[in-house]
Amino acid sequence: MKRMYSDSTGNISNPSLDTSLGLIFRLNSLWQKTDPAALSGNFDRWNFLLDRIFCNLLFKNELEVEKEENKILKVKLCKDDEDIYDYLNQKVFEAQTKLIKTKEISDIRKAKLELYRALMLKDVGLRKFMHIRLKLYLKEVETNPARAMWGY
């Protein structure tokens, strides 16, 4: 049986549903901001938004805590999540560094393209992580988008 709670106004709520809906609204809000940042070439904003999305996607994942007696020595993301995050961020960092060090106009364009592609990979990687691994959001059930729009 699902637990239901009432708040001070008497409204009944379901904590797991409320958590899920809260996550969906937060993620939708963040994802809506990524496309304008990408389209305007605001790579720093795009990158920060992707980091916020990643943090929201990991809300259920356990942290690995290394302890010695009662003292915490280290806290980190679980190994798989940390590896994915580190890889994607390393590609972005490398491209940012190359862009900063570049002096020639033609090389700057190439460096910007490299940074764009690194951010695009991070963006797509997070979407796949969200959809495939975490099974959040979209469920593909209709092969004809025109029919899906009209509900038949």
N, C-alpha and C. Protein backbone atom coordinates (compact mmCIF):
# COMPACT_ATOMS: atom_id res chain seq x y z
N MET A 1 0.83 -1.18 0.00
CA MET A 1 0.00 0.00 0.00
C MET A 1 0.89 1.25 0.00
N LYS A 2 0.56 2.18 -0.87
CA LYS A 2 1.32 3.43 -0.94
C LYS A 2 0.95 4.33 0.22
N ARG A 3 1.96 4.97 0.78
CA ARG A 3 1.71 5.90 1.87
C ARG A 3 1.26 7.24 1.32
N MET A 4 0.26 7.78 1.95
CA MET A 4 -0.25 9.09 1.59
C MET A 4 -0.17 9.95 2.84
N TYR A 5 0.16 11.20 2.65
CA TYR A 5 0.28 12.13 3.76
C TYR A 5 -0.56 13.36 3.46
N SER A 6 -1.04 13.99 4.51
CA SER A 6 -1.73 15.25 4.29
C SER A 6 -0.89 16.37 4.89
N ASP A 7 -0.86 17.49 4.19
CA ASP A 7 -0.10 18.62 4.69
C ASP A 7 -0.98 19.48 5.59
N SER A 8 -0.47 20.62 6.00
CA SER A 8 -1.20 21.47 6.94
C SER A 8 -2.51 22.01 6.37
N THR A 9 -2.66 21.99 5.04
CA THR A 9 -3.91 22.47 4.43
C THR A 9 -4.89 21.34 4.20
N GLY A 10 -4.49 20.12 4.54
CA GLY A 10 -5.37 18.96 4.36
C GLY A 10 -5.21 18.28 3.01
N ASN A 11 -4.33 18.81 2.16
CA ASN A 11 -4.10 18.17 0.86
C ASN A 11 -3.33 16.88 1.06
N ILE A 12 -3.74 15.85 0.35
CA ILE A 12 -3.09 14.56 0.45
C ILE A 12 -1.98 14.48 -0.58
N SER A 13 -0.84 13.95 -0.16
CA SER A 13 0.28 13.83 -1.09
C SER A 13 0.90 12.45 -1.00
N ASN A 14 1.59 12.08 -2.03
CA ASN A 14 2.32 10.83 -2.11
C ASN A 14 3.79 11.21 -2.27
N PRO A 15 4.64 10.99 -1.25
CA PRO A 15 6.03 11.45 -1.31
C PRO A 15 6.80 10.98 -2.53
N SER A 16 6.64 9.70 -2.95
CA SER A 16 7.42 9.23 -4.09
C SER A 16 6.94 9.90 -5.38
N LEU A 17 5.64 10.15 -5.50
CA LEU A 17 5.12 10.85 -6.66
C LEU A 17 5.57 12.30 -6.64
N ASP A 18 5.50 12.93 -5.48
CA ASP A 18 5.94 14.32 -5.35
C ASP A 18 7.42 14.46 -5.72
N THR A 19 8.24 13.51 -5.27
CA THR A 19 9.67 13.53 -5.59
C THR A 19 9.87 13.38 -7.09
N SER A 20 9.15 12.44 -7.70
CA SER A 20 9.27 12.22 -9.14
C SER A 20 8.85 13.44 -9.93
N LEU A 21 7.73 14.02 -9.55
CA LEU A 21 7.24 15.21 -10.27
C LEU A 21 8.20 16.38 -10.07
N GLY A 22 8.72 16.54 -8.87
CA GLY A 22 9.69 17.60 -8.62
C GLY A 22 10.92 17.45 -9.49
N LEU A 23 11.41 16.23 -9.60
CA LEU A 23 12.57 15.96 -10.44
C LEU A 23 12.27 16.28 -11.90
N ILE A 24 11.12 15.85 -12.37
CA ILE A 24 10.74 16.10 -13.76
C ILE A 24 10.66 17.59 -14.05
N PHE A 25 10.03 18.34 -13.15
CA PHE A 25 9.93 19.79 -13.36
C PHE A 25 11.30 20.46 -13.34
N ARG A 26 12.16 20.05 -12.40
CA ARG A 26 13.51 20.63 -12.34
C ARG A 26 14.29 20.31 -13.61
N LEU A 27 14.24 19.05 -14.03
CA LEU A 27 14.97 18.66 -15.24
C LEU A 27 14.43 19.37 -16.47
N ASN A 28 13.10 19.45 -16.59
CA ASN A 28 12.52 20.15 -17.74
C ASN A 28 12.98 21.60 -17.77
N SER A 29 12.97 22.23 -16.64
CA SER A 29 13.39 23.63 -16.56
C SER A 29 14.85 23.78 -16.99
N LEU A 30 15.70 22.90 -16.52
CA LEU A 30 17.11 22.96 -16.89
C LEU A 30 17.32 22.65 -18.37
N TRP A 31 16.67 21.59 -18.87
CA TRP A 31 16.82 21.24 -20.28
C TRP A 31 16.33 22.36 -21.18
N GLN A 32 15.27 23.06 -20.79
CA GLN A 32 14.75 24.17 -21.60
C GLN A 32 15.78 25.30 -21.73
N LYS A 33 16.67 25.42 -20.77
CA LYS A 33 17.67 26.48 -20.81
C LYS A 33 18.91 26.08 -21.59
N THR A 34 19.10 24.77 -21.83
CA THR A 34 20.32 24.34 -22.52
C THR A 34 20.33 24.73 -23.99
N ASP A 35 19.21 24.57 -24.69
CA ASP A 35 19.19 24.87 -26.12
C ASP A 35 19.48 26.34 -26.41
N PRO A 36 18.84 27.29 -25.72
CA PRO A 36 19.20 28.69 -25.98
C PRO A 36 20.67 28.99 -25.69
N ALA A 37 21.22 28.39 -24.65
CA ALA A 37 22.65 28.61 -24.34
C ALA A 37 23.52 28.05 -25.47
N ALA A 38 23.19 26.86 -25.94
CA ALA A 38 23.96 26.25 -27.03
C ALA A 38 23.82 27.06 -28.32
N LEU A 39 22.59 27.45 -28.64
CA LEU A 39 22.34 28.18 -29.89
C LEU A 39 22.99 29.57 -29.90
N SER A 40 23.10 30.18 -28.74
CA SER A 40 23.71 31.51 -28.68
C SER A 40 25.24 31.44 -28.55
N GLY A 41 25.77 30.23 -28.43
CA GLY A 41 27.22 30.08 -28.29
C GLY A 41 27.72 30.39 -26.90
N ASN A 42 26.82 30.40 -25.91
CA ASN A 42 27.20 30.65 -24.53
C ASN A 42 27.63 29.32 -23.91
N PHE A 43 28.85 28.91 -24.25
CA PHE A 43 29.34 27.59 -23.88
C PHE A 43 29.49 27.41 -22.37
N ASP A 44 29.89 28.45 -21.67
CA ASP A 44 30.03 28.33 -20.22
C ASP A 44 28.68 28.05 -19.57
N ARG A 45 27.66 28.79 -19.97
CA ARG A 45 26.31 28.57 -19.42
C ARG A 45 25.81 27.17 -19.76
N TRP A 46 26.00 26.78 -21.00
CA TRP A 46 25.58 25.45 -21.44
C TRP A 46 26.23 24.37 -20.56
N ASN A 47 27.53 24.52 -20.34
CA ASN A 47 28.27 23.55 -19.53
C ASN A 47 27.75 23.52 -18.08
N PHE A 48 27.53 24.70 -17.49
CA PHE A 48 27.02 24.74 -16.12
C PHE A 48 25.63 24.12 -16.02
N LEU A 49 24.79 24.37 -17.00
CA LEU A 49 23.45 23.77 -17.01
C LEU A 49 23.54 22.25 -17.08
N LEU A 50 24.45 21.74 -17.91
CA LEU A 50 24.62 20.29 -18.01
C LEU A 50 25.11 19.71 -16.69
N ASP A 51 25.97 20.44 -15.99
CA ASP A 51 26.41 19.99 -14.67
C ASP A 51 25.24 19.92 -13.69
N ARG A 52 24.35 20.92 -13.74
CA ARG A 52 23.18 20.93 -12.84
C ARG A 52 22.25 19.76 -13.17
N ILE A 53 22.11 19.46 -14.44
CA ILE A 53 21.28 18.33 -14.85
C ILE A 53 21.87 17.04 -14.31
N PHE A 54 23.18 16.89 -14.45
CA PHE A 54 23.85 15.69 -13.96
C PHE A 54 23.62 15.53 -12.45
N CYS A 55 23.75 16.61 -11.71
CA CYS A 55 23.51 16.56 -10.26
C CYS A 55 22.08 16.10 -9.96
N ASN A 56 21.12 16.60 -10.69
CA ASN A 56 19.73 16.19 -10.48
C ASN A 56 19.50 14.73 -10.85
N LEU A 57 20.18 14.26 -11.87
CA LEU A 57 20.02 12.86 -12.28
C LEU A 57 20.58 11.88 -11.26
N LEU A 58 21.52 12.34 -10.45
CA LEU A 58 22.17 11.47 -9.48
C LEU A 58 21.52 11.50 -8.10
N PHE A 59 20.34 12.10 -7.97
CA PHE A 59 19.77 12.29 -6.64
C PHE A 59 19.53 10.99 -5.89
N LYS A 60 19.30 9.88 -6.56
CA LYS A 60 19.07 8.61 -5.88
C LYS A 60 20.34 7.78 -5.70
N ASN A 61 21.36 8.10 -6.47
CA ASN A 61 22.58 7.30 -6.44
C ASN A 61 23.34 7.48 -5.13
N GLU A 62 23.81 6.39 -4.64
CA GLU A 62 24.59 6.42 -3.39
C GLU A 62 25.94 7.07 -3.62
N LEU A 63 26.45 7.69 -2.59
CA LEU A 63 27.82 8.19 -2.61
C LEU A 63 28.71 7.14 -1.97
N GLU A 64 29.92 7.03 -2.45
CA GLU A 64 30.89 6.13 -1.83
C GLU A 64 31.61 6.91 -0.74
N VAL A 65 31.54 6.38 0.46
CA VAL A 65 32.15 7.05 1.60
C VAL A 65 33.27 6.16 2.14
N GLU A 66 34.46 6.72 2.17
CA GLU A 66 35.62 6.01 2.73
C GLU A 66 35.83 6.53 4.14
N LYS A 67 35.78 5.60 5.11
CA LYS A 67 35.89 6.00 6.51
C LYS A 67 37.02 5.24 7.20
N GLU A 68 37.52 5.85 8.21
CA GLU A 68 38.46 5.20 9.11
C GLU A 68 37.95 5.48 10.51
N GLU A 69 37.49 4.44 11.17
CA GLU A 69 36.82 4.57 12.46
C GLU A 69 35.65 5.53 12.30
N ASN A 70 35.62 6.63 12.99
CA ASN A 70 34.51 7.58 12.89
C ASN A 70 34.84 8.80 12.03
N LYS A 71 35.97 8.74 11.34
CA LYS A 71 36.40 9.87 10.54
C LYS A 71 36.19 9.59 9.05
N ILE A 72 35.54 10.54 8.37
CA ILE A 72 35.35 10.41 6.92
C ILE A 72 36.62 10.87 6.22
N LEU A 73 37.16 9.99 5.39
CA LEU A 73 38.38 10.30 4.65
C LEU A 73 38.08 10.85 3.26
N LYS A 74 37.04 10.31 2.64
CA LYS A 74 36.74 10.70 1.26
C LYS A 74 35.28 10.39 0.94
N VAL A 75 34.66 11.28 0.18
CA VAL A 75 33.31 11.07 -0.33
C VAL A 75 33.36 11.32 -1.83
N LYS A 76 32.81 10.39 -2.61
CA LYS A 76 32.81 10.57 -4.06
C LYS A 76 31.60 9.88 -4.67
N LEU A 77 31.39 10.18 -5.93
CA LEU A 77 30.31 9.54 -6.67
C LEU A 77 30.63 8.07 -6.85
N CYS A 78 29.59 7.25 -7.09
CA CYS A 78 29.87 5.85 -7.36
C CYS A 78 30.73 5.77 -8.62
N LYS A 79 31.50 4.73 -8.75
CA LYS A 79 32.55 4.61 -9.77
C LYS A 79 32.05 4.85 -11.20
N ASP A 80 30.96 4.21 -11.62
CA ASP A 80 30.48 4.38 -12.99
C ASP A 80 30.08 5.82 -13.27
N ASP A 81 29.33 6.43 -12.34
CA ASP A 81 28.89 7.81 -12.53
C ASP A 81 30.08 8.75 -12.59
N GLU A 82 31.03 8.54 -11.71
CA GLU A 82 32.21 9.39 -11.67
C GLU A 82 33.02 9.25 -12.96
N ASP A 83 33.16 8.03 -13.48
CA ASP A 83 33.90 7.82 -14.71
C ASP A 83 33.25 8.54 -15.89
N ILE A 84 31.94 8.42 -16.01
CA ILE A 84 31.22 9.09 -17.10
C ILE A 84 31.40 10.60 -16.98
N TYR A 85 31.14 11.12 -15.81
CA TYR A 85 31.23 12.56 -15.55
C TYR A 85 32.64 13.08 -15.83
N ASP A 86 33.63 12.37 -15.32
CA ASP A 86 35.02 12.79 -15.51
C ASP A 86 35.42 12.78 -16.98
N TYR A 87 35.02 11.75 -17.71
CA TYR A 87 35.36 11.66 -19.13
C TYR A 87 34.76 12.83 -19.91
N LEU A 88 33.47 13.06 -19.72
CA LEU A 88 32.80 14.13 -20.45
C LEU A 88 33.38 15.50 -20.08
N ASN A 89 33.64 15.71 -18.82
CA ASN A 89 34.21 16.99 -18.38
C ASN A 89 35.64 17.17 -18.86
N GLN A 90 36.40 16.09 -18.94
CA GLN A 90 37.78 16.18 -19.42
C GLN A 90 37.81 16.65 -20.87
N LYS A 91 36.90 16.13 -21.68
CA LYS A 91 36.83 16.55 -23.09
C LYS A 91 36.49 18.03 -23.20
N VAL A 92 35.56 18.50 -22.37
CA VAL A 92 35.19 19.91 -22.37
C VAL A 92 36.38 20.76 -21.91
N PHE A 93 37.03 20.34 -20.84
CA PHE A 93 38.17 21.07 -20.30
C PHE A 93 39.30 21.18 -21.33
N GLU A 94 39.60 20.08 -22.01
CA GLU A 94 40.66 20.09 -23.02
C GLU A 94 40.33 21.08 -24.13
N ALA A 95 39.07 21.07 -24.57
CA ALA A 95 38.66 21.99 -25.63
C ALA A 95 38.70 23.45 -25.16
N GLN A 96 38.29 23.70 -23.93
CA GLN A 96 38.34 25.05 -23.38
C GLN A 96 39.79 25.55 -23.29
N THR A 97 40.67 24.69 -22.84
CA THR A 97 42.09 25.04 -22.71
C THR A 97 42.68 25.36 -24.08
N LYS A 98 42.36 24.55 -25.06
CA LYS A 98 42.86 24.78 -26.42
C LYS A 98 42.35 26.11 -26.96
N LEU A 99 41.08 26.43 -26.70
CA LEU A 99 40.51 27.68 -27.17
C LEU A 99 41.20 28.89 -26.53
N ILE A 100 41.47 28.80 -25.24
CA ILE A 100 42.12 29.89 -24.52
C ILE A 100 43.54 30.15 -25.05
N LYS A 101 44.23 29.08 -25.39
CA LYS A 101 45.63 29.20 -25.83
C LYS A 101 45.77 29.56 -27.32
N THR A 102 44.69 29.47 -28.07
CA THR A 102 44.75 29.70 -29.51
C THR A 102 44.79 31.18 -29.84
N LYS A 103 45.64 31.54 -30.80
CA LYS A 103 45.82 32.95 -31.18
C LYS A 103 45.30 33.26 -32.59
N GLU A 104 45.49 32.35 -33.53
CA GLU A 104 45.10 32.59 -34.92
C GLU A 104 43.59 32.45 -35.11
N ILE A 105 43.01 33.34 -35.92
CA ILE A 105 41.56 33.35 -36.15
C ILE A 105 41.07 32.00 -36.67
N SER A 106 41.76 31.44 -37.66
CA SER A 106 41.31 30.16 -38.22
C SER A 106 41.39 29.05 -37.18
N ASP A 107 42.39 29.12 -36.32
CA ASP A 107 42.52 28.11 -35.26
C ASP A 107 41.48 28.31 -34.16
N ILE A 108 41.08 29.57 -33.93
CA ILE A 108 40.05 29.85 -32.94
C ILE A 108 38.73 29.23 -33.37
N ARG A 109 38.42 29.33 -34.65
CA ARG A 109 37.18 28.71 -35.16
C ARG A 109 37.21 27.20 -34.95
N LYS A 110 38.33 26.59 -35.24
CA LYS A 110 38.47 25.14 -35.04
C LYS A 110 38.35 24.79 -33.56
N ALA A 111 38.96 25.59 -32.71
CA ALA A 111 38.90 25.33 -31.26
C ALA A 111 37.48 25.49 -30.73
N LYS A 112 36.74 26.49 -31.24
CA LYS A 112 35.34 26.67 -30.83
C LYS A 112 34.49 25.48 -31.28
N LEU A 113 34.76 25.00 -32.47
CA LEU A 113 34.03 23.83 -32.96
C LEU A 113 34.34 22.61 -32.10
N GLU A 114 35.58 22.46 -31.70
CA GLU A 114 35.96 21.35 -30.83
C GLU A 114 35.26 21.45 -29.47
N LEU A 115 35.18 22.66 -28.93
CA LEU A 115 34.47 22.87 -27.67
C LEU A 115 32.98 22.59 -27.83
N TYR A 116 32.41 23.07 -28.92
CA TYR A 116 30.99 22.79 -29.20
C TYR A 116 30.74 21.28 -29.25
N ARG A 117 31.59 20.57 -29.95
CA ARG A 117 31.41 19.11 -30.07
C ARG A 117 31.57 18.40 -28.73
N ALA A 118 32.49 18.87 -27.89
CA ALA A 118 32.67 18.28 -26.56
C ALA A 118 31.42 18.51 -25.71
N LEU A 119 30.87 19.72 -25.80
CA LEU A 119 29.64 20.01 -25.05
C LEU A 119 28.45 19.24 -25.61
N MET A 120 28.42 19.09 -26.92
CA MET A 120 27.35 18.32 -27.54
C MET A 120 27.41 16.86 -27.08
N LEU A 121 28.62 16.30 -27.01
CA LEU A 121 28.79 14.93 -26.52
C LEU A 121 28.32 14.83 -25.06
N LYS A 122 28.66 15.82 -24.25
CA LYS A 122 28.23 15.83 -22.86
C LYS A 122 26.70 15.91 -22.78
N ASP A 123 26.12 16.75 -23.61
CA ASP A 123 24.66 16.92 -23.67
C ASP A 123 23.98 15.60 -24.06
N VAL A 124 24.42 15.02 -25.16
CA VAL A 124 23.84 13.76 -25.63
C VAL A 124 24.09 12.64 -24.63
N GLY A 125 25.29 12.61 -24.06
CA GLY A 125 25.60 11.59 -23.06
C GLY A 125 24.67 11.66 -21.86
N LEU A 126 24.38 12.88 -21.40
CA LEU A 126 23.45 13.03 -20.27
C LEU A 126 22.04 12.64 -20.65
N ARG A 127 21.62 12.96 -21.87
CA ARG A 127 20.27 12.57 -22.31
C ARG A 127 20.16 11.05 -22.37
N LYS A 128 21.19 10.40 -22.90
CA LYS A 128 21.17 8.94 -22.96
C LYS A 128 21.22 8.33 -21.56
N PHE A 129 22.03 8.89 -20.69
CA PHE A 129 22.10 8.45 -19.30
C PHE A 129 20.72 8.54 -18.66
N MET A 130 20.04 9.65 -18.91
CA MET A 130 18.72 9.89 -18.35
C MET A 130 17.68 8.92 -18.92
N HIS A 131 17.69 8.75 -20.22
CA HIS A 131 16.65 7.95 -20.87
C HIS A 131 16.91 6.45 -20.81
N ILE A 132 18.14 6.04 -21.08
CA ILE A 132 18.45 4.62 -21.20
C ILE A 132 18.79 4.00 -19.85
N ARG A 133 19.73 4.61 -19.15
CA ARG A 133 20.18 4.01 -17.89
C ARG A 133 19.19 4.23 -16.74
N LEU A 134 18.69 5.47 -16.62
CA LEU A 134 17.78 5.77 -15.52
C LEU A 134 16.32 5.55 -15.89
N LYS A 135 16.04 5.38 -17.17
CA LYS A 135 14.69 5.15 -17.68
C LYS A 135 13.71 6.26 -17.27
N LEU A 136 14.19 7.48 -17.38
CA LEU A 136 13.35 8.64 -17.10
C LEU A 136 12.80 9.18 -18.41
N TYR A 137 11.61 9.67 -18.36
CA TYR A 137 10.95 10.39 -19.44
C TYR A 137 10.44 9.54 -20.56
N LEU A 138 10.92 9.85 -21.75
CA LEU A 138 10.28 9.39 -22.97
C LEU A 138 10.17 7.89 -23.11
N LYS A 139 9.00 7.49 -23.53
CA LYS A 139 8.77 6.10 -23.88
C LYS A 139 8.27 6.12 -25.31
N GLU A 140 9.03 5.52 -26.19
CA GLU A 140 8.66 5.54 -27.60
C GLU A 140 7.63 4.47 -27.87
N VAL A 141 6.43 4.90 -28.21
CA VAL A 141 5.35 3.95 -28.46
C VAL A 141 4.70 4.16 -29.81
N GLU A 142 4.89 5.30 -30.42
CA GLU A 142 4.23 5.62 -31.68
C GLU A 142 5.26 5.78 -32.78
N THR A 143 5.04 5.09 -33.89
CA THR A 143 5.99 5.18 -35.00
C THR A 143 5.63 6.29 -35.98
N ASN A 144 4.40 6.80 -35.91
CA ASN A 144 3.97 7.85 -36.81
C ASN A 144 3.65 9.10 -35.99
N PRO A 145 4.55 10.10 -35.99
CA PRO A 145 4.35 11.29 -35.17
C PRO A 145 3.04 12.02 -35.48
N ALA A 146 2.59 12.00 -36.72
CA ALA A 146 1.34 12.68 -37.07
C ALA A 146 0.16 12.03 -36.35
N ARG A 147 0.18 10.73 -36.24
CA ARG A 147 -0.91 10.03 -35.53
C ARG A 147 -0.81 10.28 -34.03
N ALA A 148 0.40 10.34 -33.52
CA ALA A 148 0.57 10.55 -32.08
C ALA A 148 0.01 11.90 -31.65
N MET A 149 0.15 12.90 -32.52
CA MET A 149 -0.33 14.23 -32.20
C MET A 149 -1.84 14.26 -31.99
N TRP A 150 -2.56 13.44 -32.76
CA TRP A 150 -4.02 13.44 -32.69
C TRP A 150 -4.55 12.35 -31.77
N GLY A 151 -3.69 11.57 -31.16
CA GLY A 151 -4.10 10.59 -30.18
C GLY A 151 -4.68 9.30 -30.71
N TYR A 152 -4.38 8.97 -31.96
CA TYR A 152 -4.84 7.67 -32.49
C TYR A 152 -3.79 7.04 -33.33
